[in-house]
Amino acid sequence: MKRAIFFSLCLCASSLLWSQTTYEQYVEQAIALAEADSLEQAEECFKQALKLAPKDYRNALVFNNLGRVQEAKIGRAVQQECRDR
């Protein structure tokens, strides 16, 4: 019985580890979303990457890309505001 419980716990833990998104996956997904003009989702993926590895040496590029996404969102909002007038 104890072995069955232990095996079940190990199986659950390993499935959780395999299902976790990595830093690289978040960044790659964010770039793909930004290129597809899904700016809200791209911004969230960049932020998740930063949360996952706040001291990663590549974060300068992530911050740069996050800023570009946010800039594009502001540009989109300004264009929408101008059209609405």
Protein backbone atom coordinates (compact mmCIF):
# COMPACT_ATOMS: atom_id res chain seq x y z
CA MET A 1 0.00 0.00 0.00
CA LYS A 2 2.80 2.40 0.91
CA ARG A 3 4.53 1.64 -2.38
CA ALA A 4 1.38 2.42 -4.32
CA ILE A 5 0.98 5.77 -2.56
CA PHE A 6 4.66 6.58 -3.05
CA PHE A 7 4.45 5.65 -6.74
CA SER A 8 1.33 7.81 -7.18
CA LEU A 9 3.04 10.78 -5.52
CA CYS A 10 6.14 10.36 -7.71
CA LEU A 11 3.98 10.14 -10.81
CA CYS A 12 2.09 13.31 -9.88
CA ALA A 13 5.29 15.19 -9.09
CA SER A 14 6.93 14.19 -12.34
CA SER A 15 3.89 15.21 -14.37
CA LEU A 16 3.95 18.61 -12.67
CA LEU A 17 7.62 19.05 -13.49
CA TRP A 18 7.10 18.14 -17.12
CA SER A 19 4.08 20.42 -17.49
CA GLN A 20 5.86 23.51 -16.17
CA THR A 21 6.72 26.07 -18.78
CA THR A 22 10.39 27.01 -18.89
CA TYR A 23 11.94 30.45 -19.21
CA GLU A 24 12.89 29.74 -22.82
CA GLN A 25 9.40 28.54 -23.68
CA TYR A 26 7.84 31.70 -22.25
CA VAL A 27 10.22 33.90 -24.22
CA GLU A 28 9.74 31.97 -27.46
CA GLN A 29 5.97 31.99 -27.01
CA ALA A 30 6.01 35.73 -26.26
CA ILE A 31 8.00 36.48 -29.41
CA ALA A 32 5.65 34.39 -31.53
CA LEU A 33 2.62 36.11 -29.99
CA ALA A 34 4.13 39.56 -30.56
CA GLU A 35 4.82 38.70 -34.20
CA ALA A 36 1.20 37.54 -34.50
CA ASP A 37 0.09 40.90 -33.01
CA SER A 38 -1.28 39.29 -29.83
CA LEU A 39 0.29 41.98 -27.70
CA GLU A 40 -1.59 41.37 -24.44
CA GLN A 41 -0.63 37.71 -24.37
CA ALA A 42 2.95 38.47 -25.44
CA GLU A 43 3.30 40.96 -22.60
CA GLU A 44 2.04 38.37 -20.11
CA CYS A 45 4.48 35.71 -21.38
CA PHE A 46 7.42 38.11 -21.09
CA LYS A 47 6.36 38.94 -17.54
CA GLN A 48 6.06 35.24 -16.67
CA ALA A 49 9.59 34.63 -17.97
CA LEU A 50 10.87 37.46 -15.78
CA LYS A 51 9.07 36.07 -12.74
CA LEU A 52 10.41 32.59 -13.40
CA ALA A 53 14.06 33.69 -13.65
CA PRO A 54 14.45 37.23 -12.30
CA LYS A 55 18.26 37.05 -12.26
CA ASP A 56 18.76 35.51 -15.70
CA TYR A 57 21.47 37.23 -17.72
CA ARG A 58 19.18 37.36 -20.77
CA ASN A 59 16.58 39.50 -19.03
CA ALA A 60 17.93 42.68 -20.63
CA LEU A 61 16.61 41.40 -23.95
CA VAL A 62 13.34 40.32 -22.36
CA PHE A 63 12.88 43.80 -20.86
CA ASN A 64 13.68 45.34 -24.24
CA ASN A 65 11.10 43.15 -25.98
CA LEU A 66 8.56 43.81 -23.23
CA GLY A 67 9.06 47.55 -23.73
CA ARG A 68 8.53 47.20 -27.47
CA VAL A 69 5.31 45.28 -26.90
CA GLN A 70 4.07 47.90 -24.44
CA GLU A 71 5.03 50.67 -26.88
CA ALA A 72 3.06 48.92 -29.63
CA LYS A 73 0.07 48.62 -27.31
CA ILE A 74 0.20 52.36 -26.58
CA GLY A 75 0.47 53.09 -30.30
CA ARG A 76 -2.54 50.91 -30.96
CA ALA A 77 -4.53 52.68 -28.23
CA VAL A 78 -3.62 56.11 -29.62
CA GLN A 79 -4.66 55.08 -33.12
CA GLN A 80 -7.95 53.76 -31.79
CA GLU A 81 -8.54 57.01 -29.88
CA CYS A 82 -7.88 59.04 -33.05
CA ARG A 83 -10.29 56.89 -35.06
CA ASP A 84 -12.98 57.26 -32.43
CA ARG A 85 -12.91 61.05 -32.64
